[in-house]
Amino acid sequence: MTENLRDFPESAVAPYGIFVLHQDHFLQDQLDLAPEAVHSSLRRQVSRYKRAPRSVADLLDLLGNEGHGCVNFAAACRDHHDREWRR
């Protein structure tokens, strides 16, 4: 998992059986596979902060910022959370 995909071209990683994935896609896959574990991890991460972000929503705002590169993951987490609350 990396943001730096251009330094890992297919020709360099294929001989080793490595699949390079952007962090946003990796985290979305984890959310699809184990949503409760992902949300638990986000809550645990936030609980350890002494300063901002202080909530999962704040953390998702930060991750969803273009500079952090996890825009789709943050949106998917929000969507999943919203669906769970509607049940």
N, C-alpha and C. Protein backbone atom coordinates (compact mmCIF):
# COMPACT_ATOMS: atom_id res chain seq x y z
N MET A 1 0.85 -1.16 0.00
CA MET A 1 0.00 0.00 0.00
C MET A 1 0.91 1.23 0.00
N THR A 2 0.62 2.16 -0.91
CA THR A 2 1.44 3.36 -1.02
C THR A 2 0.68 4.44 -1.78
N GLU A 3 1.07 5.67 -1.54
CA GLU A 3 0.60 6.76 -2.38
C GLU A 3 1.51 6.92 -3.59
N ASN A 4 2.69 6.37 -3.50
CA ASN A 4 3.74 6.55 -4.47
C ASN A 4 3.73 5.45 -5.53
N LEU A 5 2.66 5.36 -6.28
CA LEU A 5 2.51 4.28 -7.26
C LEU A 5 3.50 4.37 -8.41
N ARG A 6 3.91 5.56 -8.77
CA ARG A 6 4.78 5.69 -9.95
C ARG A 6 6.16 5.10 -9.73
N ASP A 7 6.60 4.98 -8.48
CA ASP A 7 7.91 4.37 -8.22
C ASP A 7 7.85 2.85 -8.14
N PHE A 8 6.67 2.29 -8.36
CA PHE A 8 6.50 0.84 -8.33
C PHE A 8 5.79 0.37 -9.60
N PRO A 9 6.44 0.51 -10.76
CA PRO A 9 5.79 0.09 -12.01
C PRO A 9 5.59 -1.42 -12.04
N GLU A 10 4.60 -1.82 -12.79
CA GLU A 10 4.27 -3.25 -12.91
C GLU A 10 5.50 -4.07 -13.30
N SER A 11 6.32 -3.54 -14.19
CA SER A 11 7.50 -4.28 -14.64
C SER A 11 8.49 -4.56 -13.50
N ALA A 12 8.49 -3.72 -12.48
CA ALA A 12 9.42 -3.90 -11.36
C ALA A 12 8.88 -4.84 -10.29
N VAL A 13 7.58 -4.88 -10.12
CA VAL A 13 7.01 -5.67 -9.03
C VAL A 13 6.49 -7.04 -9.48
N ALA A 14 6.12 -7.18 -10.74
CA ALA A 14 5.55 -8.44 -11.24
C ALA A 14 6.45 -9.65 -11.00
N PRO A 15 7.77 -9.55 -11.22
CA PRO A 15 8.62 -10.73 -11.01
C PRO A 15 8.58 -11.25 -9.57
N TYR A 16 8.16 -10.42 -8.63
CA TYR A 16 8.12 -10.81 -7.21
C TYR A 16 6.71 -11.15 -6.73
N GLY A 17 5.76 -11.11 -7.65
CA GLY A 17 4.39 -11.41 -7.29
C GLY A 17 3.76 -10.37 -6.38
N ILE A 18 4.25 -9.15 -6.48
CA ILE A 18 3.76 -8.06 -5.64
C ILE A 18 2.69 -7.28 -6.39
N PHE A 19 1.64 -6.94 -5.69
CA PHE A 19 0.57 -6.13 -6.24
C PHE A 19 0.57 -4.81 -5.49
N VAL A 20 0.79 -3.72 -6.18
CA VAL A 20 0.86 -2.40 -5.55
C VAL A 20 -0.52 -1.76 -5.59
N LEU A 21 -0.95 -1.28 -4.46
CA LEU A 21 -2.29 -0.73 -4.33
C LEU A 21 -2.22 0.61 -3.62
N HIS A 22 -2.97 1.56 -4.12
CA HIS A 22 -3.05 2.87 -3.48
C HIS A 22 -3.72 2.70 -2.12
N GLN A 23 -3.30 3.50 -1.15
CA GLN A 23 -3.83 3.37 0.21
C GLN A 23 -5.35 3.53 0.27
N ASP A 24 -5.91 4.38 -0.55
CA ASP A 24 -7.35 4.58 -0.56
C ASP A 24 -8.07 3.28 -0.95
N HIS A 25 -7.57 2.61 -1.98
CA HIS A 25 -8.17 1.34 -2.42
C HIS A 25 -7.97 0.25 -1.38
N PHE A 26 -6.78 0.19 -0.80
CA PHE A 26 -6.50 -0.81 0.23
C PHE A 26 -7.47 -0.67 1.40
N LEU A 27 -7.64 0.56 1.88
CA LEU A 27 -8.52 0.79 3.03
C LEU A 27 -9.98 0.50 2.68
N GLN A 28 -10.39 0.81 1.45
CA GLN A 28 -11.75 0.47 1.02
C GLN A 28 -11.95 -1.04 1.01
N ASP A 29 -10.94 -1.77 0.56
CA ASP A 29 -11.03 -3.24 0.57
C ASP A 29 -11.19 -3.75 2.00
N GLN A 30 -10.43 -3.18 2.93
CA GLN A 30 -10.52 -3.60 4.32
C GLN A 30 -11.92 -3.31 4.88
N LEU A 31 -12.47 -2.17 4.51
CA LEU A 31 -13.81 -1.81 4.95
C LEU A 31 -14.84 -2.80 4.41
N ASP A 32 -14.69 -3.21 3.16
CA ASP A 32 -15.60 -4.20 2.57
C ASP A 32 -15.48 -5.55 3.25
N LEU A 33 -14.25 -5.94 3.60
CA LEU A 33 -14.02 -7.25 4.19
C LEU A 33 -14.42 -7.33 5.67
N ALA A 34 -14.14 -6.27 6.41
CA ALA A 34 -14.37 -6.30 7.87
C ALA A 34 -14.76 -4.91 8.37
N PRO A 35 -15.96 -4.45 8.06
CA PRO A 35 -16.35 -3.09 8.43
C PRO A 35 -16.30 -2.81 9.92
N GLU A 36 -16.71 -3.77 10.73
CA GLU A 36 -16.68 -3.52 12.19
C GLU A 36 -15.25 -3.38 12.69
N ALA A 37 -14.34 -4.18 12.16
CA ALA A 37 -12.93 -4.08 12.57
C ALA A 37 -12.34 -2.74 12.16
N VAL A 38 -12.71 -2.26 10.97
CA VAL A 38 -12.21 -0.95 10.51
C VAL A 38 -12.73 0.16 11.41
N HIS A 39 -14.03 0.13 11.70
CA HIS A 39 -14.59 1.18 12.55
C HIS A 39 -14.03 1.11 13.97
N SER A 40 -13.80 -0.09 14.45
CA SER A 40 -13.18 -0.26 15.77
C SER A 40 -11.77 0.33 15.76
N SER A 41 -11.04 0.08 14.70
CA SER A 41 -9.67 0.62 14.58
C SER A 41 -9.69 2.14 14.52
N LEU A 42 -10.64 2.70 13.81
CA LEU A 42 -10.74 4.17 13.74
C LEU A 42 -11.06 4.75 15.11
N ARG A 43 -11.97 4.11 15.84
CA ARG A 43 -12.31 4.59 17.19
C ARG A 43 -11.10 4.48 18.11
N ARG A 44 -10.37 3.36 18.02
CA ARG A 44 -9.18 3.18 18.84
C ARG A 44 -8.11 4.22 18.50
N GLN A 45 -7.93 4.49 17.22
CA GLN A 45 -6.95 5.49 16.80
C GLN A 45 -7.29 6.85 17.38
N VAL A 46 -8.55 7.25 17.27
CA VAL A 46 -8.97 8.56 17.77
C VAL A 46 -8.82 8.64 19.28
N SER A 47 -9.06 7.55 19.98
CA SER A 47 -8.98 7.56 21.45
C SER A 47 -7.57 7.83 21.94
N ARG A 48 -6.59 7.61 21.11
CA ARG A 48 -5.19 7.79 21.51
C ARG A 48 -4.66 9.20 21.24
N TYR A 49 -5.42 10.01 20.54
CA TYR A 49 -4.98 11.36 20.23
C TYR A 49 -5.12 12.26 21.45
N LYS A 50 -4.13 13.06 21.69
CA LYS A 50 -4.20 14.06 22.75
C LYS A 50 -4.80 15.36 22.22
N ARG A 51 -4.64 15.58 20.94
CA ARG A 51 -5.21 16.75 20.26
C ARG A 51 -6.11 16.27 19.14
N ALA A 52 -6.54 17.18 18.31
CA ALA A 52 -7.43 16.83 17.19
C ALA A 52 -6.75 15.82 16.27
N PRO A 53 -7.50 14.98 15.61
CA PRO A 53 -8.95 14.85 15.61
C PRO A 53 -9.44 14.13 16.86
N ARG A 54 -10.58 14.55 17.37
CA ARG A 54 -11.13 14.02 18.62
C ARG A 54 -12.26 13.01 18.41
N SER A 55 -12.76 12.90 17.19
CA SER A 55 -13.84 11.95 16.91
C SER A 55 -13.55 11.24 15.60
N VAL A 56 -14.25 10.14 15.37
CA VAL A 56 -14.10 9.42 14.11
C VAL A 56 -14.50 10.32 12.95
N ALA A 57 -15.55 11.11 13.15
CA ALA A 57 -15.98 12.03 12.08
C ALA A 57 -14.86 13.02 11.76
N ASP A 58 -14.18 13.52 12.79
CA ASP A 58 -13.06 14.44 12.56
C ASP A 58 -11.92 13.73 11.82
N LEU A 59 -11.65 12.49 12.20
CA LEU A 59 -10.59 11.73 11.53
C LEU A 59 -10.94 11.49 10.06
N LEU A 60 -12.21 11.16 9.80
CA LEU A 60 -12.63 10.95 8.41
C LEU A 60 -12.56 12.24 7.62
N ASP A 61 -12.85 13.37 8.26
CA ASP A 61 -12.67 14.66 7.58
C ASP A 61 -11.22 14.86 7.18
N LEU A 62 -10.31 14.52 8.09
CA LEU A 62 -8.88 14.65 7.81
C LEU A 62 -8.45 13.69 6.70
N LEU A 63 -8.85 12.43 6.80
CA LEU A 63 -8.49 11.45 5.78
C LEU A 63 -9.12 11.77 4.43
N GLY A 64 -10.29 12.37 4.47
CA GLY A 64 -11.00 12.71 3.24
C GLY A 64 -10.47 13.96 2.56
N ASN A 65 -9.57 14.65 3.24
CA ASN A 65 -8.92 15.82 2.66
C ASN A 65 -8.06 15.36 1.49
N GLU A 66 -8.11 16.07 0.39
CA GLU A 66 -7.34 15.69 -0.82
C GLU A 66 -5.86 15.43 -0.52
N GLY A 67 -5.29 16.14 0.42
CA GLY A 67 -3.88 15.98 0.74
C GLY A 67 -3.54 14.65 1.38
N HIS A 68 -4.52 13.99 1.96
CA HIS A 68 -4.27 12.71 2.62
C HIS A 68 -4.57 11.51 1.73
N GLY A 69 -5.23 11.73 0.63
CA GLY A 69 -5.39 10.68 -0.37
C GLY A 69 -6.35 9.56 -0.08
N CYS A 70 -7.21 9.71 0.91
CA CYS A 70 -8.17 8.64 1.23
C CYS A 70 -9.61 9.14 1.13
N VAL A 71 -9.85 9.92 0.11
CA VAL A 71 -11.16 10.55 -0.09
C VAL A 71 -12.27 9.50 -0.20
N ASN A 72 -12.06 8.49 -1.01
CA ASN A 72 -13.09 7.46 -1.22
C ASN A 72 -13.29 6.60 0.02
N PHE A 73 -12.21 6.29 0.72
CA PHE A 73 -12.33 5.52 1.96
C PHE A 73 -13.14 6.28 2.99
N ALA A 74 -12.84 7.56 3.17
CA ALA A 74 -13.58 8.37 4.14
C ALA A 74 -15.06 8.42 3.79
N ALA A 75 -15.36 8.60 2.51
CA ALA A 75 -16.76 8.64 2.08
C ALA A 75 -17.44 7.29 2.30
N ALA A 76 -16.74 6.20 2.01
CA ALA A 76 -17.31 4.86 2.20
C ALA A 76 -17.57 4.58 3.68
N CYS A 77 -16.67 5.03 4.54
CA CYS A 77 -16.87 4.86 5.98
C CYS A 77 -18.10 5.61 6.44
N ARG A 78 -18.25 6.82 5.97
CA ARG A 78 -19.44 7.60 6.34
C ARG A 78 -20.71 6.92 5.84
N ASP A 79 -20.68 6.45 4.59
CA ASP A 79 -21.85 5.76 4.03
C ASP A 79 -22.19 4.52 4.83
N HIS A 80 -21.18 3.74 5.17
CA HIS A 80 -21.41 2.52 5.94
C HIS A 80 -21.98 2.87 7.31
N HIS A 81 -21.41 3.84 7.95
CA HIS A 81 -21.89 4.27 9.27
C HIS A 81 -23.34 4.73 9.19
N ASP A 82 -23.67 5.53 8.17
CA ASP A 82 -25.02 6.03 8.01
C ASP A 82 -26.01 4.87 7.78
N ARG A 83 -25.62 3.88 6.98
CA ARG A 83 -26.49 2.73 6.72
C ARG A 83 -26.74 1.95 8.00
N GLU A 84 -25.70 1.78 8.81
CA GLU A 84 -25.84 1.03 10.06
C GLU A 84 -26.78 1.73 11.03
N TRP A 85 -26.72 3.07 11.07
CA TRP A 85 -27.59 3.81 11.99
C TRP A 85 -29.05 3.73 11.56
N ARG A 86 -29.30 3.54 10.26
CA ARG A 86 -30.68 3.48 9.77
C ARG A 86 -31.34 2.14 10.03
N ARG A 87 -30.57 1.12 10.38
CA ARG A 87 -31.14 -0.23 10.61
C ARG A 87 -31.92 -0.29 11.88
